[in-house]
Each structure stands twice: as C-alpha cells, then as structure tokens.
N, C-alpha and C. Protein backbone atom coordinates (compact mmCIF):
# COMPACT_ATOMS: atom_id res chain seq x y z
N MET A 1 34.44 120.10 102.24
CA MET A 1 34.59 118.66 102.09
C MET A 1 33.39 117.95 102.70
N THR A 2 33.05 116.95 101.92
CA THR A 2 31.83 116.26 102.35
C THR A 2 32.11 115.19 103.36
N ASP A 3 31.12 114.66 103.98
CA ASP A 3 31.30 113.51 104.87
C ASP A 3 31.99 112.34 104.24
N THR A 4 31.61 111.98 103.12
CA THR A 4 32.14 110.88 102.32
C THR A 4 33.58 111.13 102.08
N ALA A 5 33.97 112.19 101.68
CA ALA A 5 35.32 112.50 101.37
C ALA A 5 36.16 112.41 102.69
N ARG A 6 35.62 112.88 103.78
CA ARG A 6 36.41 112.81 105.05
C ARG A 6 36.52 111.31 105.48
N LYS A 7 35.52 110.52 105.22
CA LYS A 7 35.58 109.18 105.63
C LYS A 7 36.68 108.45 104.75
N HIS A 8 36.78 108.79 103.42
CA HIS A 8 37.73 108.16 102.61
C HIS A 8 39.10 108.67 103.00
N ARG A 9 39.27 109.94 103.27
CA ARG A 9 40.60 110.43 103.73
C ARG A 9 40.98 109.82 105.02
N SER A 10 40.08 109.57 105.89
CA SER A 10 40.43 108.92 107.25
C SER A 10 40.80 107.49 107.07
N ALA A 11 40.11 106.80 106.10
CA ALA A 11 40.41 105.34 105.85
C ALA A 11 41.78 105.31 105.12
N ILE A 12 42.08 106.13 104.20
CA ILE A 12 43.41 106.18 103.51
C ILE A 12 44.46 106.52 104.54
N THR A 13 44.31 107.49 105.39
CA THR A 13 45.29 107.83 106.43
C THR A 13 45.57 106.68 107.30
N LEU A 14 44.57 106.00 107.85
CA LEU A 14 44.68 104.82 108.69
C LEU A 14 45.37 103.69 108.00
N ALA A 15 45.05 103.46 106.71
CA ALA A 15 45.77 102.39 105.95
C ALA A 15 47.29 102.72 105.81
N ILE A 16 47.61 103.98 105.60
CA ILE A 16 49.04 104.31 105.44
C ILE A 16 49.70 104.20 106.79
N ILE A 17 49.08 104.58 107.92
CA ILE A 17 49.74 104.43 109.20
C ILE A 17 49.94 102.94 109.52
N VAL A 18 48.90 102.08 109.41
CA VAL A 18 49.06 100.66 109.61
C VAL A 18 50.13 100.06 108.74
N GLY A 19 50.12 100.43 107.43
CA GLY A 19 51.19 99.90 106.53
C GLY A 19 52.58 100.31 106.98
N GLY A 20 52.73 101.51 107.40
CA GLY A 20 53.97 102.04 107.93
C GLY A 20 54.47 101.25 109.11
N LEU A 21 53.58 100.92 110.00
CA LEU A 21 53.81 100.24 111.25
C LEU A 21 54.27 98.86 110.94
N VAL A 22 53.53 98.22 110.05
CA VAL A 22 53.88 96.84 109.59
C VAL A 22 55.28 96.74 109.02
N THR A 23 55.59 97.70 108.09
CA THR A 23 56.90 97.80 107.47
C THR A 23 57.94 98.06 108.55
N LEU A 24 57.71 98.91 109.51
CA LEU A 24 58.69 99.22 110.49
C LEU A 24 58.91 97.89 111.37
N ALA A 25 57.86 97.26 111.71
CA ALA A 25 58.01 96.03 112.52
C ALA A 25 58.83 94.93 111.68
N SER A 26 58.57 94.76 110.46
CA SER A 26 59.32 93.77 109.67
C SER A 26 60.78 94.12 109.62
N LEU A 27 61.03 95.44 109.48
CA LEU A 27 62.49 95.80 109.31
C LEU A 27 63.27 95.65 110.65
N THR A 28 62.59 95.80 111.79
CA THR A 28 63.25 95.57 113.08
C THR A 28 63.48 94.17 113.38
N GLN A 29 62.77 93.24 112.71
CA GLN A 29 62.91 91.84 112.84
C GLN A 29 64.17 91.24 112.12
N GLN A 30 64.56 92.02 111.13
CA GLN A 30 65.63 91.53 110.28
C GLN A 30 67.03 91.92 111.00
N THR A 31 68.02 91.00 110.88
CA THR A 31 69.30 91.36 111.45
C THR A 31 70.35 91.00 110.39
N ASP A 32 71.39 91.66 110.49
CA ASP A 32 72.52 91.34 109.57
C ASP A 32 73.49 90.40 110.14
N GLY A 33 73.40 90.18 111.46
CA GLY A 33 74.41 89.35 112.26
C GLY A 33 73.97 87.95 112.09
N PRO A 34 74.76 87.02 112.71
CA PRO A 34 74.41 85.68 112.71
C PRO A 34 73.12 85.42 113.49
N ARG A 35 72.44 84.39 112.99
CA ARG A 35 71.07 84.09 113.72
C ARG A 35 71.38 83.33 115.05
N GLN A 36 70.48 83.46 115.93
CA GLN A 36 70.59 82.76 117.29
C GLN A 36 70.26 81.22 116.98
N LEU A 37 71.02 80.43 117.58
CA LEU A 37 70.66 79.01 117.47
C LEU A 37 69.55 78.60 118.45
N SER A 38 68.78 77.74 118.14
CA SER A 38 67.79 77.19 119.02
C SER A 38 68.56 76.39 120.11
N ALA A 39 67.79 76.06 121.14
CA ALA A 39 68.38 75.39 122.27
C ALA A 39 68.93 74.05 121.84
N SER A 40 68.16 73.26 120.96
CA SER A 40 68.58 71.98 120.60
C SER A 40 69.83 72.10 119.55
N GLU A 41 69.82 73.20 118.77
CA GLU A 41 71.01 73.43 117.98
C GLU A 41 72.27 73.74 118.67
N ALA A 42 72.08 74.52 119.69
CA ALA A 42 73.26 74.91 120.59
C ALA A 42 73.79 73.59 121.35
N GLU A 43 72.90 72.80 121.77
CA GLU A 43 73.28 71.59 122.42
C GLU A 43 74.03 70.66 121.48
N TYR A 44 73.43 70.56 120.31
CA TYR A 44 74.13 69.69 119.25
C TYR A 44 75.59 70.24 118.98
N CYS A 45 75.71 71.54 118.81
CA CYS A 45 77.07 72.14 118.64
C CYS A 45 77.99 71.84 119.81
N GLU A 46 77.52 72.01 121.02
CA GLU A 46 78.34 71.74 122.12
C GLU A 46 78.81 70.30 122.29
N MET A 47 77.88 69.42 122.07
CA MET A 47 78.17 68.09 122.14
C MET A 47 79.12 67.49 121.05
N THR A 48 78.90 68.03 119.87
CA THR A 48 79.79 67.61 118.76
C THR A 48 81.18 68.19 118.93
N ALA A 49 81.29 69.40 119.54
CA ALA A 49 82.56 70.02 119.88
C ALA A 49 83.29 69.19 120.87
N MET A 50 82.62 68.65 121.85
CA MET A 50 83.23 67.83 122.91
C MET A 50 83.76 66.55 122.27
N TRP A 51 82.97 65.99 121.31
CA TRP A 51 83.40 64.71 120.68
C TRP A 51 84.65 65.01 119.80
N GLN A 52 84.70 66.17 119.16
CA GLN A 52 85.88 66.48 118.35
C GLN A 52 87.13 66.70 119.17
N GLU A 53 86.97 67.35 120.34
CA GLU A 53 88.05 67.56 121.36
C GLU A 53 88.60 66.28 121.76
N ASP A 54 87.76 65.38 122.18
CA ASP A 54 88.22 64.04 122.64
C ASP A 54 88.85 63.21 121.55
N THR A 55 88.34 63.39 120.32
CA THR A 55 88.91 62.73 119.24
C THR A 55 90.41 63.22 119.06
N LYS A 56 90.62 64.53 118.97
CA LYS A 56 91.96 65.10 118.83
C LYS A 56 92.90 64.71 119.99
N ALA A 57 92.29 64.48 121.21
CA ALA A 57 93.12 64.14 122.34
C ALA A 57 93.42 62.57 122.35
N GLY A 58 92.83 61.83 121.49
CA GLY A 58 93.18 60.46 121.29
C GLY A 58 92.34 59.49 122.04
N PHE A 59 91.27 59.93 122.62
CA PHE A 59 90.33 59.04 123.32
C PHE A 59 89.66 57.94 122.38
N ALA A 60 89.42 56.83 122.81
CA ALA A 60 88.71 55.81 122.09
C ALA A 60 87.26 56.20 121.93
N GLU A 61 86.56 55.73 121.01
CA GLU A 61 85.13 56.15 120.79
C GLU A 61 84.33 55.91 122.11
N SER A 62 84.56 54.80 122.68
CA SER A 62 83.78 54.40 123.86
C SER A 62 84.10 55.33 125.08
N GLN A 63 85.19 56.07 125.08
CA GLN A 63 85.50 56.95 126.16
C GLN A 63 85.27 58.40 125.93
N ARG A 64 84.83 58.72 124.65
CA ARG A 64 84.63 60.17 124.32
C ARG A 64 83.37 60.70 124.99
N ARG A 65 83.37 62.04 125.22
CA ARG A 65 82.21 62.75 125.75
C ARG A 65 81.56 63.24 124.45
N GLY A 66 80.34 63.73 124.62
CA GLY A 66 79.61 64.30 123.54
C GLY A 66 79.08 63.34 122.48
N TRP A 67 78.76 63.83 121.36
CA TRP A 67 78.19 63.04 120.27
C TRP A 67 79.11 63.25 118.92
N PRO A 68 79.06 62.11 118.10
CA PRO A 68 79.70 62.37 116.84
C PRO A 68 78.76 63.25 116.01
N ASP A 69 79.23 63.81 114.97
CA ASP A 69 78.39 64.66 114.04
C ASP A 69 77.53 63.85 113.13
N PHE A 70 76.46 63.11 113.79
CA PHE A 70 75.66 62.22 113.00
C PHE A 70 74.79 62.87 111.99
N LYS A 71 74.44 64.18 112.15
CA LYS A 71 73.68 64.90 111.15
C LYS A 71 74.56 65.50 110.02
N ARG A 72 75.80 65.45 110.24
CA ARG A 72 76.72 66.07 109.27
C ARG A 72 76.56 67.50 108.99
N THR A 73 76.06 68.26 110.07
CA THR A 73 75.78 69.72 109.96
C THR A 73 76.63 70.57 110.83
N ALA A 74 77.36 69.97 111.66
CA ALA A 74 78.21 70.78 112.61
C ALA A 74 79.10 71.81 112.02
N ALA A 75 79.68 71.45 110.92
CA ALA A 75 80.55 72.46 110.22
C ALA A 75 79.91 73.68 109.75
N SER A 76 78.70 73.61 109.25
CA SER A 76 77.98 74.82 108.75
C SER A 76 77.15 75.41 109.81
N LEU A 77 76.62 74.70 110.74
CA LEU A 77 75.69 75.14 111.78
C LEU A 77 76.53 75.74 112.92
N CYS A 78 77.65 75.15 113.34
CA CYS A 78 78.39 75.59 114.54
C CYS A 78 79.56 76.45 114.39
N SER A 79 80.11 76.59 113.17
CA SER A 79 81.26 77.20 113.03
C SER A 79 81.28 78.73 113.51
N PRO A 80 80.28 79.54 113.35
CA PRO A 80 80.36 80.86 113.75
C PRO A 80 80.14 81.05 115.22
N GLN A 81 79.87 80.04 115.99
CA GLN A 81 79.59 80.18 117.39
C GLN A 81 80.85 80.33 118.23
N ILE A 82 80.71 81.15 119.28
CA ILE A 82 81.80 81.42 120.22
C ILE A 82 81.36 80.77 121.55
N THR A 83 82.20 79.98 122.11
CA THR A 83 81.83 79.19 123.30
C THR A 83 81.93 80.22 124.44
N HIS A 84 81.26 79.82 125.61
CA HIS A 84 81.24 80.69 126.69
C HIS A 84 82.71 80.91 127.30
N GLY A 85 83.52 79.85 127.13
CA GLY A 85 84.91 79.96 127.62
C GLY A 85 85.71 80.92 126.69
N GLN A 86 85.39 81.00 125.46
CA GLN A 86 86.08 81.94 124.63
C GLN A 86 85.62 83.37 124.97
N GLN A 87 84.35 83.44 125.25
CA GLN A 87 83.79 84.86 125.58
C GLN A 87 84.55 85.39 126.87
N LEU A 88 84.70 84.50 127.84
CA LEU A 88 85.43 84.84 129.08
C LEU A 88 86.87 85.16 128.87
N ALA A 89 87.52 84.41 127.96
CA ALA A 89 89.01 84.68 127.67
C ALA A 89 89.13 85.87 126.96
N SER A 90 88.15 86.42 126.21
CA SER A 90 88.43 87.59 125.45
C SER A 90 88.08 88.88 126.33
N ARG A 91 87.69 88.77 127.45
CA ARG A 91 87.46 89.96 128.35
C ARG A 91 88.71 90.42 128.97
C-alpha cells in the first residue's frame, strides 16, 4: 500500500469515526418524554395555576394570587406538569 493510499484510508476512517460520534451525540440529545420547561415557563405555569385555584375558590380578581393566563398558553404549556406537592403526595 502506498503512502497516498494510507493517507486516504486514514482520512476516511477519521471521517467515519467523527460522523459516528456526531450521530451518537445527536441521538442522546433527543428524548421521547416531555420537554423541560424553562424557568420563566415554569414560573408562568405556577402563577397561572394559583390564579385558577383562587378563581375556583371564589376570590375577587383583586384578591387573587398569581397571574391570569394573559398569554393564553397555560392549557397547552402547563398541562403535563406535575407540581411539587403532587410529587410528594405520590410517594
């Protein structure tokens, strides 16, 4: 085998290894479960949940804790979330 052929074989082998590592890294980044909320999204979900609880309890708007769902995204963004209290109760 000539030096040129060895260089080509080495370059191809290196390319295959790097490609495999990139593929492996991208596969490990993917999850089938629910995505993690950002800190601001988690806060939004918590605050809109408080607002909804106080609404159900009959508090006037001026007396409610939390925030109203002004973005209109709480139903889709927050529904799969489990609160810390629910996690403790399930133990």
